[in-house]
Amino acid sequence: MRVALVSLTTTHHRDAAPERRLRQVAMTLAGRGHDVHVFCAKWWDGTDNTVEDDELTYHAVTLDRTARQSFLLRVPVMLARADPDIVHAGARYPPAITAASIGATLARTPLLADWYDPDGADGGFLTRRALSAPDRIVTPSRLVRTRLREHGADMERLQVVPNAVDFDLIRSTDPADERHVVYARRLDEGANVESLLLGLAELRDFEWSATVIGDGPARESYEQQARDLRIDDRIDFVGELSREERVSIYRNAHVFVQTAHQCRFATELAWALACGCVGIVEYHADSSAHELVEGRERGFRTTSEQELADAIREAGEMESLTVDEEFAGFGTDAVLDQYLDLYRDLRAQYGLL
């Protein structure tokens, strides 16, 4: 299948969750033998308008990602010339979806939009058009799906497809030294690590160790809080780690705690659960993390530091695992199959199969 992926920015421009999600989809499509063309602002050197990178073909719609008007004007014609089987547009810049819809119409092919963050839906005309133009809108969680519906998206066009987890990587990575409790996120004010620290402080009389993965502007503040609570000798703040290093830690950790105030999809939690961790999520209205533990025996949802401490204590009685096959539905191939099924269904609706 020939897939045209439209996104003003890619991971070559900015390392952020929406771009990482699109790249993962593109890479797994290419790995399955599909022909993937990415239409974006130019990020490479030289005068060529196209470049091959990791089995993906990138097309420079504009020379600079700030040239948004030019991007919107050029995308439809370029898509029509590419003759794709499906157009898959990212919603990091919602007006690009409208431009992609014109290109899809010219190419006589369906349009699927990948909408990661509902904050991009500002309620203006261009956003309303972007919500109504696609044949289907994919979101990473029920939280985002609900927010888009509140902004006017047709519920029948909305579908949840999670971020994928690489089980091959998990199985091939050796577990690190044992950790009882793990937390991972960018350490800013929204990380809400203080809830974890207060919960751990309730467990002073129990044997535990904790690891906090990630860096950010609030790291020093969180480290000071640990010292103030006199539990800093049992917590390691290890900073940024590679995916392989994180997986190694998750595989020999017992509990993963998610306390962040805001989360469109709890990527690190999903990886940790797949690695066998018991998941403990502090509920917040603007976080989707609780969706990953609802109805699971190895999952807890809490609303206070005392409940969090009780959950950690109860989780300690559960079996230790280094991989959880119940999360196979989040595997790379399983998630890609969801996208391919969507592509085929949309093409069937157009009478193209």
Protein backbone atom coordinates (compact mmCIF):
# COMPACT_ATOMS: atom_id res chain seq x y z
CA MET A 1 0.00 0.00 0.00
CA ARG A 2 1.20 3.50 -0.85
CA VAL A 3 0.70 5.74 2.18
CA ALA A 4 1.02 9.53 2.12
CA LEU A 5 1.72 10.86 5.60
CA VAL A 6 1.20 14.62 5.99
CA SER A 7 2.78 16.53 8.87
CA LEU A 8 4.29 20.00 8.89
CA THR A 9 6.87 18.82 11.45
CA THR A 10 8.56 15.47 12.03
CA THR A 11 10.87 14.08 14.71
CA HIS A 12 13.71 15.69 12.75
CA HIS A 13 12.21 19.08 13.66
CA ARG A 14 11.07 18.40 17.22
CA ASP A 15 11.15 15.41 19.55
CA ALA A 16 7.59 15.44 20.84
CA ALA A 17 4.87 12.84 21.38
CA PRO A 18 2.71 13.59 18.28
CA GLU A 19 5.71 13.42 15.95
CA ARG A 20 7.08 10.29 17.64
CA ARG A 21 3.72 8.56 17.23
CA LEU A 22 3.56 9.35 13.50
CA ARG A 23 7.13 8.21 12.97
CA GLN A 24 6.42 4.94 14.73
CA VAL A 25 3.46 4.33 12.44
CA ALA A 26 5.51 5.24 9.37
CA MET A 27 8.43 3.02 10.37
CA THR A 28 6.27 -0.01 11.14
CA LEU A 29 4.41 0.45 7.84
CA ALA A 30 7.70 0.56 5.96
CA GLY A 31 8.96 -2.44 7.91
CA ARG A 32 5.91 -4.37 6.75
CA GLY A 33 6.75 -3.56 3.12
CA HIS A 34 4.45 -0.60 2.50
CA ASP A 35 5.56 2.43 0.47
CA VAL A 36 5.52 5.42 2.85
CA HIS A 37 5.90 9.03 1.68
CA VAL A 38 6.12 11.81 4.27
CA PHE A 39 5.09 15.32 3.17
CA CYS A 40 6.62 17.84 5.56
CA ALA A 41 8.74 20.96 5.90
CA LYS A 42 12.31 20.34 4.78
CA TRP A 43 14.72 19.23 7.50
CA TRP A 44 17.68 17.94 5.48
CA ASP A 45 20.63 19.74 3.90
CA GLY A 46 21.22 20.08 0.18
CA THR A 47 19.06 21.09 -2.75
CA ASP A 48 17.11 17.85 -3.25
CA ASN A 49 13.37 18.13 -2.73
CA THR A 50 13.15 14.50 -1.60
CA VAL A 51 15.31 12.32 0.60
CA GLU A 52 15.32 8.65 1.65
CA ASP A 53 15.78 7.99 5.36
CA ASP A 54 15.11 4.73 7.24
CA GLU A 55 13.03 3.33 4.36
CA LEU A 56 10.84 6.45 4.32
CA THR A 57 10.67 8.94 1.46
CA TYR A 58 10.46 12.55 2.66
CA HIS A 59 9.07 15.26 0.38
CA ALA A 60 9.85 18.91 1.12
CA VAL A 61 6.57 20.81 0.88
CA THR A 62 8.27 23.99 2.10
CA LEU A 63 11.86 24.89 2.93
CA ASP A 64 10.96 26.06 6.43
CA ARG A 65 8.36 24.91 8.95
CA THR A 66 7.40 28.54 9.59
CA ALA A 67 6.13 28.85 5.99
CA ARG A 68 2.73 27.53 6.98
CA GLN A 69 0.66 29.30 4.32
CA SER A 70 2.89 27.92 1.59
CA PHE A 71 2.62 24.45 3.12
CA LEU A 72 -1.17 24.59 3.03
CA LEU A 73 -1.22 25.77 -0.58
CA ARG A 74 1.26 23.18 -1.89
CA VAL A 75 0.18 20.01 -0.07
CA PRO A 76 -3.00 19.31 -2.10
CA VAL A 77 -1.23 19.33 -5.47
CA MET A 78 1.69 17.27 -4.19
CA LEU A 79 -0.67 14.66 -2.75
CA ALA A 80 -2.63 14.43 -5.98
CA ARG A 81 0.59 13.85 -7.94
CA ALA A 82 1.75 11.18 -5.45
CA ASP A 83 -1.33 9.04 -6.20
CA PRO A 84 -1.52 7.48 -2.69
CA ASP A 85 -3.80 4.64 -1.61
CA ILE A 86 -4.47 6.46 1.67
CA VAL A 87 -3.67 9.87 3.12
CA HIS A 88 -2.74 9.90 6.81
CA ALA A 89 -2.45 13.40 8.32
CA GLY A 90 -1.13 14.47 11.70
CA ALA A 91 -3.04 17.09 13.66
CA ARG A 92 -0.09 18.86 15.30
CA TYR A 93 -1.03 21.74 12.98
CA PRO A 94 -4.80 21.25 12.39
CA PRO A 95 -5.09 23.38 9.21
CA ALA A 96 -2.81 20.83 7.52
CA ILE A 97 -5.65 18.31 7.84
CA THR A 98 -7.91 20.57 5.78
CA ALA A 99 -5.21 20.92 3.12
CA ALA A 100 -4.67 17.15 3.20
CA SER A 101 -8.41 16.61 2.70
CA ILE A 102 -8.30 18.64 -0.51
CA GLY A 103 -5.33 16.59 -1.67
CA ALA A 104 -7.10 13.34 -0.79
CA THR A 105 -10.16 14.47 -2.74
CA LEU A 106 -8.00 15.26 -5.78
CA ALA A 107 -6.33 11.86 -5.44
CA ARG A 108 -9.73 10.20 -4.95
CA THR A 109 -8.62 8.42 -1.82
CA PRO A 110 -9.65 8.45 1.87
CA LEU A 111 -8.20 10.66 4.59
CA LEU A 112 -7.37 9.50 8.11
CA ALA A 113 -6.33 12.09 10.71
CA ASP A 114 -4.17 11.25 13.73
CA TRP A 115 -5.12 13.70 16.50
CA TYR A 116 -2.88 13.35 19.54
CA ASP A 117 -3.58 16.46 21.58
CA PRO A 118 -7.07 18.03 21.92
CA ASP A 119 -5.49 21.34 22.95
CA GLY A 120 -4.92 21.89 19.23
CA ALA A 121 -8.67 22.13 18.79
CA ASP A 122 -9.20 25.83 19.53
CA GLY A 123 -12.78 25.98 18.30
CA GLY A 124 -12.02 28.25 15.33
CA PHE A 125 -13.20 27.75 11.76
CA LEU A 126 -10.03 25.95 10.65
CA THR A 127 -10.26 23.57 13.58
CA ARG A 128 -13.93 22.83 12.93
CA ARG A 129 -13.06 22.13 9.31
CA ALA A 130 -10.19 19.87 10.38
CA LEU A 131 -12.54 17.91 12.65
CA SER A 132 -15.15 17.43 9.93
CA ALA A 133 -12.92 16.82 6.90
CA PRO A 134 -11.36 13.38 7.66
CA ASP A 135 -13.12 10.12 6.92
CA ARG A 136 -11.82 8.89 10.27
CA ILE A 137 -10.01 10.48 13.22
CA VAL A 138 -7.72 8.34 15.37
CA THR A 139 -6.88 9.33 18.94
CA PRO A 140 -4.44 7.72 21.41
CA SER A 141 -6.95 7.50 24.27
CA ARG A 142 -10.60 7.79 25.22
CA LEU A 143 -9.78 11.09 26.94
CA VAL A 144 -8.68 12.70 23.67
CA ARG A 145 -11.61 11.14 21.82
CA THR A 146 -14.04 12.67 24.33
CA ARG A 147 -12.41 16.11 24.12
CA LEU A 148 -12.61 16.09 20.31
CA ARG A 149 -16.25 15.08 20.46
CA GLU A 150 -16.86 18.05 22.78
CA HIS A 151 -15.23 20.26 20.13
CA GLY A 152 -17.71 19.01 17.53
CA ALA A 153 -16.19 15.88 16.00
CA ASP A 154 -18.65 13.21 14.89
CA MET A 155 -18.43 10.31 17.37
CA GLU A 156 -18.87 7.79 14.56
CA ARG A 157 -15.66 9.05 12.94
CA LEU A 158 -13.58 8.79 16.10
CA GLN A 159 -11.55 5.70 17.01
CA VAL A 160 -8.93 4.99 19.67
CA VAL A 161 -5.62 3.43 18.62
CA PRO A 162 -2.96 3.38 21.36
CA ASN A 163 0.75 4.01 21.06
CA ALA A 164 2.62 0.79 20.39
CA VAL A 165 5.05 -1.15 22.58
CA ASP A 166 7.89 -3.20 21.11
CA PHE A 167 7.61 -6.66 22.68
CA ASP A 168 10.61 -7.92 20.72
CA LEU A 169 12.73 -5.27 22.44
CA ILE A 170 11.26 -6.15 25.82
CA ARG A 171 11.97 -9.87 25.46
CA SER A 172 15.50 -9.29 24.19
CA THR A 173 16.49 -6.83 26.96
CA ASP A 174 18.04 -8.20 30.14
CA PRO A 175 16.45 -6.99 33.38
CA ALA A 176 18.51 -4.54 35.44
CA ASP A 177 19.01 -4.63 39.19
CA GLU A 178 15.81 -4.94 41.18
CA ARG A 179 13.75 -1.80 41.81
CA HIS A 180 10.60 -1.88 43.90
CA VAL A 181 9.00 1.33 42.57
CA VAL A 182 9.65 3.24 39.32
CA TYR A 183 8.42 6.59 38.01
CA ALA A 184 9.27 8.03 34.57
CA ARG A 185 8.38 11.37 32.96
CA ARG A 186 9.76 14.80 32.16
CA LEU A 187 10.24 16.43 35.55
CA ASP A 188 8.25 19.63 35.34
CA GLU A 189 5.48 20.95 37.58
CA GLY A 190 2.91 18.76 35.84
CA ALA A 191 4.86 15.62 36.73
CA ASN A 192 3.42 15.78 40.25
CA VAL A 193 6.22 13.66 41.69
CA GLU A 194 5.34 15.05 45.12
CA SER A 195 2.34 12.68 45.28
CA LEU A 196 4.68 9.73 44.82
CA LEU A 197 7.12 11.09 47.42
CA LEU A 198 4.38 11.66 49.98
CA GLY A 199 3.02 8.18 49.34
CA LEU A 200 6.46 6.64 49.80
CA ALA A 201 6.95 8.63 52.99
CA GLU A 202 3.91 6.83 54.39
CA LEU A 203 5.86 3.59 53.96
CA ARG A 204 8.95 4.50 55.99
CA ASP A 205 8.66 1.34 58.08
CA PHE A 206 8.62 -0.92 55.02
CA GLU A 207 11.51 -2.04 52.85
CA TRP A 208 11.44 -0.35 49.46
CA SER A 209 13.61 1.44 46.89
CA ALA A 210 12.49 3.81 44.16
CA THR A 211 13.87 5.09 40.87
CA VAL A 212 12.76 8.31 39.19
CA ILE A 213 13.60 8.46 35.47
CA GLY A 214 13.63 11.76 33.60
CA ASP A 215 14.93 15.28 33.80
CA GLY A 216 13.47 18.75 33.66
CA PRO A 217 13.16 22.13 35.38
CA ALA A 218 11.55 20.74 38.54
CA ARG A 219 14.10 17.98 39.18
CA GLU A 220 16.02 19.87 41.86
CA SER A 221 12.76 20.75 43.61
CA TYR A 222 11.67 17.12 43.69
CA GLU A 223 15.08 16.02 44.96
CA GLN A 224 14.81 18.62 47.73
CA GLN A 225 11.35 17.33 48.66
CA ALA A 226 12.80 13.82 48.99
CA ARG A 227 15.47 15.20 51.33
CA ASP A 228 12.89 17.12 53.35
CA LEU A 229 10.87 13.92 53.77
CA ARG A 230 14.08 12.08 54.74
CA ILE A 231 13.60 9.38 52.11
CA ASP A 232 16.27 10.56 49.66
CA ASP A 233 18.61 7.71 50.61
CA ARG A 234 16.08 5.25 49.14
CA ILE A 235 15.32 7.11 45.88
CA ASP A 236 17.57 7.37 42.83
CA PHE A 237 16.98 10.26 40.44
CA VAL A 238 18.74 8.84 37.36
CA GLY A 239 17.91 11.47 34.71
CA GLU A 240 17.18 10.75 31.06
CA LEU A 241 17.66 7.17 29.88
CA SER A 242 17.41 5.47 26.50
CA ARG A 243 14.47 3.24 25.66
CA GLU A 244 16.63 0.14 26.16
CA GLU A 245 17.78 1.36 29.59
CA ARG A 246 14.21 2.09 30.64
CA VAL A 247 13.00 -1.32 29.51
CA SER A 248 15.83 -2.97 31.43
CA ILE A 249 14.71 -1.19 34.62
CA TYR A 250 11.00 -1.86 34.05
CA ARG A 251 11.63 -5.58 33.56
CA ASN A 252 12.98 -5.96 37.08
CA ALA A 253 10.80 -3.37 38.80
CA HIS A 254 7.68 -4.40 40.66
CA VAL A 255 5.54 -1.25 40.57
CA PHE A 256 5.25 1.67 38.15
CA VAL A 257 3.55 4.77 39.55
CA GLN A 258 1.88 7.40 37.34
CA THR A 259 0.89 10.64 39.09
CA ALA A 260 1.17 13.32 36.37
CA HIS A 261 -1.61 15.90 36.18
CA GLN A 262 -1.86 15.74 32.37
CA CYS A 263 -1.30 12.85 29.99
CA ARG A 264 -2.73 12.24 26.50
CA PHE A 265 -1.36 8.70 26.45
CA ALA A 266 0.68 7.18 29.28
CA THR A 267 3.49 5.85 27.10
CA GLU A 268 5.92 4.96 29.88
CA LEU A 269 3.15 3.32 31.88
CA ALA A 270 2.23 1.17 28.87
CA TRP A 271 5.84 0.05 28.45
CA ALA A 272 6.14 -0.70 32.17
CA LEU A 273 2.91 -2.70 32.23
CA ALA A 274 4.08 -4.71 29.23
CA CYS A 275 7.31 -5.36 31.16
CA GLY A 276 5.28 -6.90 33.99
CA CYS A 277 5.05 -3.99 36.42
CA VAL A 278 1.99 -3.53 38.57
CA GLY A 279 0.48 -0.18 37.55
CA ILE A 280 -0.62 2.43 40.09
CA VAL A 281 -2.27 5.54 38.68
CA GLU A 282 -3.31 8.63 40.59
CA TYR A 283 -6.50 9.79 38.90
CA HIS A 284 -6.59 13.26 37.32
CA ALA A 285 -9.33 14.62 35.07
CA ASP A 286 -6.84 15.68 32.39
CA SER A 287 -4.94 12.39 32.29
CA SER A 288 -5.80 9.22 30.38
CA ALA A 289 -3.43 7.02 32.39
CA HIS A 290 -6.23 5.35 34.36
CA GLU A 291 -7.53 3.86 31.09
CA LEU A 292 -4.57 1.46 31.06
CA VAL A 293 -5.28 -0.02 34.50
CA GLU A 294 -9.09 -0.07 34.60
CA GLY A 295 -10.42 -3.58 35.10
CA ARG A 296 -6.93 -5.09 35.49
CA GLU A 297 -5.97 -7.22 38.47
CA ARG A 298 -2.43 -5.82 38.28
CA GLY A 299 -3.61 -2.22 38.29
CA PHE A 300 -4.75 0.34 40.87
CA ARG A 301 -6.41 3.75 40.58
CA THR A 302 -5.88 6.09 43.53
CA THR A 303 -7.00 9.58 44.52
CA SER A 304 -4.76 10.38 47.52
CA GLU A 305 -1.26 9.78 48.83
CA GLN A 306 -2.62 7.37 51.46
CA GLU A 307 -4.40 5.32 48.80
CA LEU A 308 -1.21 5.34 46.73
CA ALA A 309 0.78 4.04 49.69
CA ASP A 310 -1.84 1.34 50.35
CA ALA A 311 -1.72 0.31 46.68
CA ILE A 312 2.09 0.00 46.73
CA ARG A 313 1.82 -2.16 49.83
CA GLU A 314 -0.87 -4.37 48.25
CA ALA A 315 1.04 -4.60 44.96
CA GLY A 316 3.98 -5.98 46.89
CA GLU A 317 1.99 -9.16 47.47
CA MET A 318 1.53 -9.79 43.74
CA GLU A 319 3.64 -12.04 41.53
CA SER A 320 6.72 -10.50 39.95
CA LEU A 321 6.78 -10.60 36.14
CA THR A 322 9.30 -9.54 33.49
CA VAL A 323 6.74 -9.47 30.66
CA ASP A 324 2.93 -9.36 30.67
CA GLU A 325 1.34 -11.03 27.66
CA GLU A 326 -2.02 -9.45 28.53
CA PHE A 327 -0.63 -6.32 26.88
CA ALA A 328 0.09 -8.07 23.58
CA GLY A 329 -2.65 -5.94 22.04
CA PHE A 330 -0.32 -2.96 22.47
CA GLY A 331 2.45 -4.67 20.52
CA THR A 332 3.88 -3.02 17.43
CA ASP A 333 2.32 -5.48 14.98
CA ALA A 334 -1.05 -5.48 16.74
CA VAL A 335 -1.28 -1.67 16.65
CA LEU A 336 -0.17 -1.53 13.02
CA ASP A 337 -2.88 -4.05 12.15
CA GLN A 338 -5.44 -1.66 13.63
CA TYR A 339 -4.22 1.08 11.28
CA LEU A 340 -4.18 -1.26 8.28
CA ASP A 341 -7.72 -2.42 9.05
CA LEU A 342 -8.79 1.23 9.15
CA TYR A 343 -7.08 1.92 5.83
CA ARG A 344 -8.79 -1.06 4.19
CA ASP A 345 -12.20 -0.21 5.65
CA LEU A 346 -11.95 3.37 4.39
CA ARG A 347 -10.83 2.26 0.95
CA ALA A 348 -13.73 -0.20 0.84
CA GLN A 349 -16.11 2.66 1.62
CA TYR A 350 -14.67 4.45 -1.41
CA GLY A 351 -15.11 1.34 -3.54
CA LEU A 352 -11.36 1.01 -3.97
CA LEU A 353 -10.98 -2.63 -2.89
